[in-house]
Amino acid sequence: MGKKGFRDLIVWQKAKDLAVTIYRVSEEGALSRDYGLCDQIRRSAVSVASNPFLLHRERSAGRTEDATSDCL
């Protein structure tokens, strides 16, 4: 990846957009009233966006074997 950061990764950009969309959708309707389910869905969306960042960080530190298997 060279000098590029994780924010330059298309996969991270799409995952972030998905998380933002999920937060918006979960603010309304029946889902917003089911706090447990709403919270779980939101945390999952954030987790998906975090995986490319974590992989990038581990690869930048030279730990590719552990990083790749942890994100699968």
PDB file of N, CA and C in Angstrom:
ATOM      1  N   MET A   1       0.800  -1.195   0.000  1.00  0.00           N
ATOM      2  CA  MET A   1       0.000   0.000   0.000  1.00  0.00           C
ATOM      3  C   MET A   1       0.843   1.259   0.000  1.00  0.00           C
ATOM      4  N   GLY A   2       2.100   1.113   0.296  1.00  0.00           N
ATOM      5  CA  GLY A   2       2.972   2.276   0.257  1.00  0.00           C
ATOM      6  C   GLY A   2       2.601   3.326   1.287  1.00  0.00           C
ATOM      7  N   LYS A   3       2.567   4.570   0.850  1.00  0.00           N
ATOM      8  CA  LYS A   3       2.295   5.691   1.742  1.00  0.00           C
ATOM      9  C   LYS A   3       0.802   5.922   1.991  1.00  0.00           C
ATOM     10  N   LYS A   4      -0.038   5.177   1.295  1.00  0.00           N
ATOM     11  CA  LYS A   4      -1.468   5.363   1.460  1.00  0.00           C
ATOM     12  C   LYS A   4      -1.912   4.869   2.830  1.00  0.00           C
ATOM     13  N   GLY A   5      -2.901   5.526   3.361  1.00  0.00           N
ATOM     14  CA  GLY A   5      -3.471   5.106   4.631  1.00  0.00           C
ATOM     15  C   GLY A   5      -4.721   4.277   4.411  1.00  0.00           C
ATOM     16  N   PHE A   6      -5.280   3.786   5.503  1.00  0.00           N
ATOM     17  CA  PHE A   6      -6.459   2.940   5.387  1.00  0.00           C
ATOM     18  C   PHE A   6      -7.652   3.707   4.825  1.00  0.00           C
ATOM     19  N   ARG A   7      -7.694   5.018   4.992  1.00  0.00           N
ATOM     20  CA  ARG A   7      -8.810   5.806   4.461  1.00  0.00           C
ATOM     21  C   ARG A   7      -8.824   5.841   2.934  1.00  0.00           C
ATOM     22  N   ASP A   8      -7.708   5.493   2.319  1.00  0.00           N
ATOM     23  CA  ASP A   8      -7.633   5.435   0.860  1.00  0.00           C
ATOM     24  C   ASP A   8      -8.155   4.102   0.304  1.00  0.00           C
ATOM     25  N   LEU A   9      -8.370   3.125   1.178  1.00  0.00           N
ATOM     26  CA  LEU A   9      -8.856   1.828   0.738  1.00  0.00           C
ATOM     27  C   LEU A   9     -10.341   1.921   0.370  1.00  0.00           C
ATOM     28  N   ILE A  10     -10.677   1.454  -0.804  1.00  0.00           N
ATOM     29  CA  ILE A  10     -12.071   1.486  -1.248  1.00  0.00           C
ATOM     30  C   ILE A  10     -12.941   0.646  -0.330  1.00  0.00           C
ATOM     31  N   VAL A  11     -12.427  -0.491   0.122  1.00  0.00           N
ATOM     32  CA  VAL A  11     -13.208  -1.356   1.008  1.00  0.00           C
ATOM     33  C   VAL A  11     -13.552  -0.637   2.318  1.00  0.00           C
ATOM     34  N   TRP A  12     -12.622   0.158   2.836  1.00  0.00           N
ATOM     35  CA  TRP A  12     -12.911   0.897   4.073  1.00  0.00           C
ATOM     36  C   TRP A  12     -13.948   1.992   3.804  1.00  0.00           C
ATOM     37  N   GLN A  13     -13.818   2.672   2.685  1.00  0.00           N
ATOM     38  CA  GLN A  13     -14.769   3.732   2.345  1.00  0.00           C
ATOM     39  C   GLN A  13     -16.186   3.185   2.217  1.00  0.00           C
ATOM     40  N   LYS A  14     -16.327   2.034   1.560  1.00  0.00           N
ATOM     41  CA  LYS A  14     -17.650   1.428   1.396  1.00  0.00           C
ATOM     42  C   LYS A  14     -18.198   0.927   2.732  1.00  0.00           C
ATOM     43  N   ALA A  15     -17.347   0.352   3.560  1.00  0.00           N
ATOM     44  CA  ALA A  15     -17.779  -0.133   4.874  1.00  0.00           C
ATOM     45  C   ALA A  15     -18.213   1.029   5.767  1.00  0.00           C
ATOM     46  N   LYS A  16     -17.506   2.139   5.675  1.00  0.00           N
ATOM     47  CA  LYS A  16     -17.885   3.327   6.453  1.00  0.00           C
ATOM     48  C   LYS A  16     -19.231   3.861   5.987  1.00  0.00           C
ATOM     49  N   ASP A  17     -19.420   3.915   4.668  1.00  0.00           N
ATOM     50  CA  ASP A  17     -20.701   4.365   4.125  1.00  0.00           C
ATOM     51  C   ASP A  17     -21.840   3.451   4.576  1.00  0.00           C
ATOM     52  N   LEU A  18     -21.574   2.151   4.603  1.00  0.00           N
ATOM     53  CA  LEU A  18     -22.571   1.199   5.068  1.00  0.00           C
ATOM     54  C   LEU A  18     -22.915   1.442   6.535  1.00  0.00           C
ATOM     55  N   ALA A  19     -21.907   1.682   7.358  1.00  0.00           N
ATOM     56  CA  ALA A  19     -22.150   1.941   8.777  1.00  0.00           C
ATOM     57  C   ALA A  19     -22.979   3.208   8.976  1.00  0.00           C
ATOM     58  N   VAL A  20     -22.680   4.239   8.221  1.00  0.00           N
ATOM     59  CA  VAL A  20     -23.451   5.488   8.314  1.00  0.00           C
ATOM     60  C   VAL A  20     -24.904   5.237   7.909  1.00  0.00           C
ATOM     61  N   THR A  21     -25.101   4.480   6.840  1.00  0.00           N
ATOM     62  CA  THR A  21     -26.457   4.158   6.390  1.00  0.00           C
ATOM     63  C   THR A  21     -27.207   3.359   7.447  1.00  0.00           C
ATOM     64  N   ILE A  22     -26.545   2.391   8.036  1.00  0.00           N
ATOM     65  CA  ILE A  22     -27.182   1.573   9.071  1.00  0.00           C
ATOM     66  C   ILE A  22     -27.561   2.428  10.277  1.00  0.00           C
ATOM     67  N   TYR A  23     -26.710   3.344  10.673  1.00  0.00           N
ATOM     68  CA  TYR A  23     -27.054   4.241  11.780  1.00  0.00           C
ATOM     69  C   TYR A  23     -28.287   5.076  11.447  1.00  0.00           C
ATOM     70  N   ARG A  24     -28.365   5.576  10.232  1.00  0.00           N
ATOM     71  CA  ARG A  24     -29.519   6.398   9.828  1.00  0.00           C
ATOM     72  C   ARG A  24     -30.806   5.579   9.812  1.00  0.00           C
ATOM     73  N   VAL A  25     -30.749   4.401   9.218  1.00  0.00           N
ATOM     74  CA  VAL A  25     -31.936   3.551   9.098  1.00  0.00           C
ATOM     75  C   VAL A  25     -32.410   3.085  10.477  1.00  0.00           C
ATOM     76  N   SER A  26     -31.479   2.807  11.365  1.00  0.00           N
ATOM     77  CA  SER A  26     -31.850   2.267  12.674  1.00  0.00           C
ATOM     78  C   SER A  26     -32.366   3.334  13.639  1.00  0.00           C
ATOM     79  N   GLU A  27     -32.340   4.584  13.234  1.00  0.00           N
ATOM     80  CA  GLU A  27     -32.873   5.655  14.094  1.00  0.00           C
ATOM     81  C   GLU A  27     -34.390   5.739  14.044  1.00  0.00           C
ATOM     82  N   GLU A  28     -34.994   5.083  13.062  1.00  0.00           N
ATOM     83  CA  GLU A  28     -36.427   5.228  12.845  1.00  0.00           C
ATOM     84  C   GLU A  28     -37.136   3.885  12.950  1.00  0.00           C
ATOM     85  N   GLY A  29     -38.433   3.931  13.158  1.00  0.00           N
ATOM     86  CA  GLY A  29     -39.278   2.752  13.091  1.00  0.00           C
ATOM     87  C   GLY A  29     -39.091   1.786  14.242  1.00  0.00           C
ATOM     88  N   ALA A  30     -39.515   0.556  13.986  1.00  0.00           N
ATOM     89  CA  ALA A  30     -39.519  -0.477  15.021  1.00  0.00           C
ATOM     90  C   ALA A  30     -38.108  -0.821  15.495  1.00  0.00           C
ATOM     91  N   LEU A  31     -37.160  -0.759  14.604  1.00  0.00           N
ATOM     92  CA  LEU A  31     -35.787  -1.106  14.981  1.00  0.00           C
ATOM     93  C   LEU A  31     -35.258  -0.172  16.056  1.00  0.00           C
ATOM     94  N   SER A  32     -35.615   1.086  16.012  1.00  0.00           N
ATOM     95  CA  SER A  32     -35.123   2.042  17.018  1.00  0.00           C
ATOM     96  C   SER A  32     -35.688   1.740  18.402  1.00  0.00           C
ATOM     97  N   ARG A  33     -36.830   1.055  18.459  1.00  0.00           N
ATOM     98  CA  ARG A  33     -37.440   0.732  19.752  1.00  0.00           C
ATOM     99  C   ARG A  33     -36.893  -0.558  20.352  1.00  0.00           C
ATOM    100  N   ASP A  34     -36.243  -1.380  19.532  1.00  0.00           N
ATOM    101  CA  ASP A  34     -35.621  -2.610  20.032  1.00  0.00           C
ATOM    102  C   ASP A  34     -34.139  -2.317  20.262  1.00  0.00           C
ATOM    103  N   TYR A  35     -33.849  -1.766  21.442  1.00  0.00           N
ATOM    104  CA  TYR A  35     -32.500  -1.256  21.706  1.00  0.00           C
ATOM    105  C   TYR A  35     -31.434  -2.340  21.553  1.00  0.00           C
ATOM    106  N   GLY A  36     -31.694  -3.544  22.046  1.00  0.00           N
ATOM    107  CA  GLY A  36     -30.684  -4.604  21.978  1.00  0.00           C
ATOM    108  C   GLY A  36     -30.307  -4.955  20.554  1.00  0.00           C
ATOM    109  N   LEU A  37     -31.314  -5.161  19.713  1.00  0.00           N
ATOM    110  CA  LEU A  37     -31.053  -5.503  18.315  1.00  0.00           C
ATOM    111  C   LEU A  37     -30.406  -4.330  17.581  1.00  0.00           C
ATOM    112  N   CYS A  38     -30.912  -3.140  17.822  1.00  0.00           N
ATOM    113  CA  CYS A  38     -30.367  -1.939  17.179  1.00  0.00           C
ATOM    114  C   CYS A  38     -28.889  -1.769  17.531  1.00  0.00           C
ATOM    115  N   ASP A  39     -28.574  -1.933  18.795  1.00  0.00           N
ATOM    116  CA  ASP A  39     -27.189  -1.794  19.250  1.00  0.00           C
ATOM    117  C   ASP A  39     -26.286  -2.851  18.620  1.00  0.00           C
ATOM    118  N   GLN A  40     -26.766  -4.080  18.545  1.00  0.00           N
ATOM    119  CA  GLN A  40     -25.972  -5.159  17.964  1.00  0.00           C
ATOM    120  C   GLN A  40     -25.701  -4.904  16.477  1.00  0.00           C
ATOM    121  N   ILE A  41     -26.711  -4.468  15.751  1.00  0.00           N
ATOM    122  CA  ILE A  41     -26.538  -4.185  14.323  1.00  0.00           C
ATOM    123  C   ILE A  41     -25.545  -3.040  14.124  1.00  0.00           C
ATOM    124  N   ARG A  42     -25.668  -2.014  14.955  1.00  0.00           N
ATOM    125  CA  ARG A  42     -24.744  -0.881  14.836  1.00  0.00           C
ATOM    126  C   ARG A  42     -23.310  -1.285  15.145  1.00  0.00           C
ATOM    127  N   ARG A  43     -23.121  -2.068  16.197  1.00  0.00           N
ATOM    128  CA  ARG A  43     -21.766  -2.507  16.546  1.00  0.00           C
ATOM    129  C   ARG A  43     -21.174  -3.381  15.447  1.00  0.00           C
ATOM    130  N   SER A  44     -22.005  -4.199  14.826  1.00  0.00           N
ATOM    131  CA  SER A  44     -21.530  -5.040  13.721  1.00  0.00           C
ATOM    132  C   SER A  44     -21.076  -4.195  12.538  1.00  0.00           C
ATOM    133  N   ALA A  45     -21.826  -3.154  12.234  1.00  0.00           N
ATOM    134  CA  ALA A  45     -21.462  -2.271  11.124  1.00  0.00           C
ATOM    135  C   ALA A  45     -20.121  -1.586  11.382  1.00  0.00           C
ATOM    136  N   VAL A  46     -19.908  -1.162  12.607  1.00  0.00           N
ATOM    137  CA  VAL A  46     -18.634  -0.527  12.967  1.00  0.00           C
ATOM    138  C   VAL A  46     -17.499  -1.545  12.890  1.00  0.00           C
ATOM    139  N   SER A  47     -17.773  -2.771  13.299  1.00  0.00           N
ATOM    140  CA  SER A  47     -16.765  -3.822  13.241  1.00  0.00           C
ATOM    141  C   SER A  47     -16.329  -4.104  11.812  1.00  0.00           C
ATOM    142  N   VAL A  48     -17.277  -4.148  10.889  1.00  0.00           N
ATOM    143  CA  VAL A  48     -16.959  -4.381   9.477  1.00  0.00           C
ATOM    144  C   VAL A  48     -16.036  -3.283   8.958  1.00  0.00           C
ATOM    145  N   ALA A  49     -16.307  -2.048   9.333  1.00  0.00           N
ATOM    146  CA  ALA A  49     -15.463  -0.926   8.892  1.00  0.00           C
ATOM    147  C   ALA A  49     -14.092  -0.951   9.570  1.00  0.00           C
ATOM    148  N   SER A  50     -13.999  -1.561  10.745  1.00  0.00           N
ATOM    149  CA  SER A  50     -12.729  -1.600  11.473  1.00  0.00           C
ATOM    150  C   SER A  50     -11.762  -2.641  10.917  1.00  0.00           C
ATOM    151  N   ASN A  51     -12.272  -3.710  10.322  1.00  0.00           N
ATOM    152  CA  ASN A  51     -11.400  -4.787   9.853  1.00  0.00           C
ATOM    153  C   ASN A  51     -10.359  -4.337   8.831  1.00  0.00           C
ATOM    154  N   PRO A  52     -10.710  -3.572   7.799  1.00  0.00           N
ATOM    155  CA  PRO A  52      -9.663  -3.121   6.865  1.00  0.00           C
ATOM    156  C   PRO A  52      -8.611  -2.242   7.551  1.00  0.00           C
ATOM    157  N   PHE A  53      -9.040  -1.424   8.508  1.00  0.00           N
ATOM    158  CA  PHE A  53      -8.088  -0.595   9.254  1.00  0.00           C
ATOM    159  C   PHE A  53      -7.118  -1.463  10.036  1.00  0.00           C
ATOM    160  N   LEU A  54      -7.643  -2.460  10.735  1.00  0.00           N
ATOM    161  CA  LEU A  54      -6.784  -3.326  11.543  1.00  0.00           C
ATOM    162  C   LEU A  54      -5.802  -4.104  10.672  1.00  0.00           C
ATOM    163  N   LEU A  55      -6.272  -4.593   9.546  1.00  0.00           N
ATOM    164  CA  LEU A  55      -5.388  -5.313   8.629  1.00  0.00           C
ATOM    165  C   LEU A  55      -4.293  -4.392   8.096  1.00  0.00           C
ATOM    166  N   HIS A  56      -4.660  -3.176   7.715  1.00  0.00           N
ATOM    167  CA  HIS A  56      -3.677  -2.212   7.227  1.00  0.00           C
ATOM    168  C   HIS A  56      -2.633  -1.913   8.302  1.00  0.00           C
ATOM    169  N   ARG A  57      -3.083  -1.729   9.527  1.00  0.00           N
ATOM    170  CA  ARG A  57      -2.162  -1.424  10.627  1.00  0.00           C
ATOM    171  C   ARG A  57      -1.185  -2.568  10.867  1.00  0.00           C
ATOM    172  N   GLU A  58      -1.701  -3.804  10.848  1.00  0.00           N
ATOM    173  CA  GLU A  58      -0.840  -4.956  11.079  1.00  0.00           C
ATOM    174  C   GLU A  58       0.154  -5.146   9.934  1.00  0.00           C
ATOM    175  N   ARG A  59      -0.307  -4.958   8.709  1.00  0.00           N
ATOM    176  CA  ARG A  59       0.601  -5.099   7.565  1.00  0.00           C
ATOM    177  C   ARG A  59       1.672  -4.023   7.584  1.00  0.00           C
ATOM    178  N   SER A  60       1.310  -2.820   7.998  1.00  0.00           N
ATOM    179  CA  SER A  60       2.287  -1.731   8.072  1.00  0.00           C
ATOM    180  C   SER A  60       3.360  -2.029   9.109  1.00  0.00           C
ATOM    181  N   ALA A  61       2.972  -2.786  10.137  1.00  0.00           N
ATOM    182  CA  ALA A  61       3.923  -3.150  11.186  1.00  0.00           C
ATOM    183  C   ALA A  61       4.706  -4.411  10.833  1.00  0.00           C
ATOM    184  N   GLY A  62       4.407  -5.006   9.661  1.00  0.00           N
ATOM    185  CA  GLY A  62       5.150  -6.183   9.224  1.00  0.00           C
ATOM    186  C   GLY A  62       4.621  -7.493   9.755  1.00  0.00           C
ATOM    187  N   ARG A  63       3.416  -7.516  10.286  1.00  0.00           N
ATOM    188  CA  ARG A  63       2.840  -8.736  10.849  1.00  0.00           C
ATOM    189  C   ARG A  63       1.714  -9.234   9.937  1.00  0.00           C
ATOM    190  N   THR A  64       2.073  -9.691   8.745  1.00  0.00           N
ATOM    191  CA  THR A  64       1.056 -10.046   7.746  1.00  0.00           C
ATOM    192  C   THR A  64       0.372 -11.377   8.025  1.00  0.00           C
ATOM    193  N   GLU A  65       1.089 -12.376   8.537  1.00  0.00           N
ATOM    194  CA  GLU A  65       0.493 -13.696   8.724  1.00  0.00           C
ATOM    195  C   GLU A  65      -0.651 -13.637   9.736  1.00  0.00           C
ATOM    196  N   ASP A  66      -0.394 -13.066  10.897  1.00  0.00           N
ATOM    197  CA  ASP A  66      -1.418 -12.985  11.933  1.00  0.00           C
ATOM    198  C   ASP A  66      -2.556 -12.073  11.512  1.00  0.00           C
ATOM    199  N   ALA A  67      -2.242 -10.994  10.852  1.00  0.00           N
ATOM    200  CA  ALA A  67      -3.260 -10.000  10.483  1.00  0.00           C
ATOM    201  C   ALA A  67      -4.263 -10.576   9.493  1.00  0.00           C
ATOM    202  N   THR A  68      -3.780 -11.306   8.515  1.00  0.00           N
ATOM    203  CA  THR A  68      -4.680 -11.833   7.502  1.00  0.00           C
ATOM    204  C   THR A  68      -5.616 -12.872   8.099  1.00  0.00           C
ATOM    205  N   SER A  69      -5.127 -13.753   8.931  1.00  0.00           N
ATOM    206  CA  SER A  69      -5.982 -14.798   9.498  1.00  0.00           C
ATOM    207  C   SER A  69      -6.955 -14.220  10.518  1.00  0.00           C
ATOM    208  N   ASP A  70      -6.588 -13.177  11.230  1.00  0.00           N
ATOM    209  CA  ASP A  70      -7.472 -12.565  12.216  1.00  0.00           C
ATOM    210  C   ASP A  70      -8.671 -11.890  11.583  1.00  0.00           C
ATOM    211  N   CYS A  71      -8.528 -11.394  10.372  1.00  0.00           N
ATOM    212  CA  CYS A  71      -9.604 -10.645   9.715  1.00  0.00           C
ATOM    213  C   CYS A  71     -10.539 -11.544   8.920  1.00  0.00           C
ATOM    214  N   LEU A  72     -10.235 -12.814   8.821  1.00  0.00           N
ATOM    215  CA  LEU A  72     -11.105 -13.716   8.062  1.00  0.00           C
ATOM    216  C   LEU A  72     -12.166 -14.319   8.934  1.00  0.00           C
TER     217      LEU A  72
END
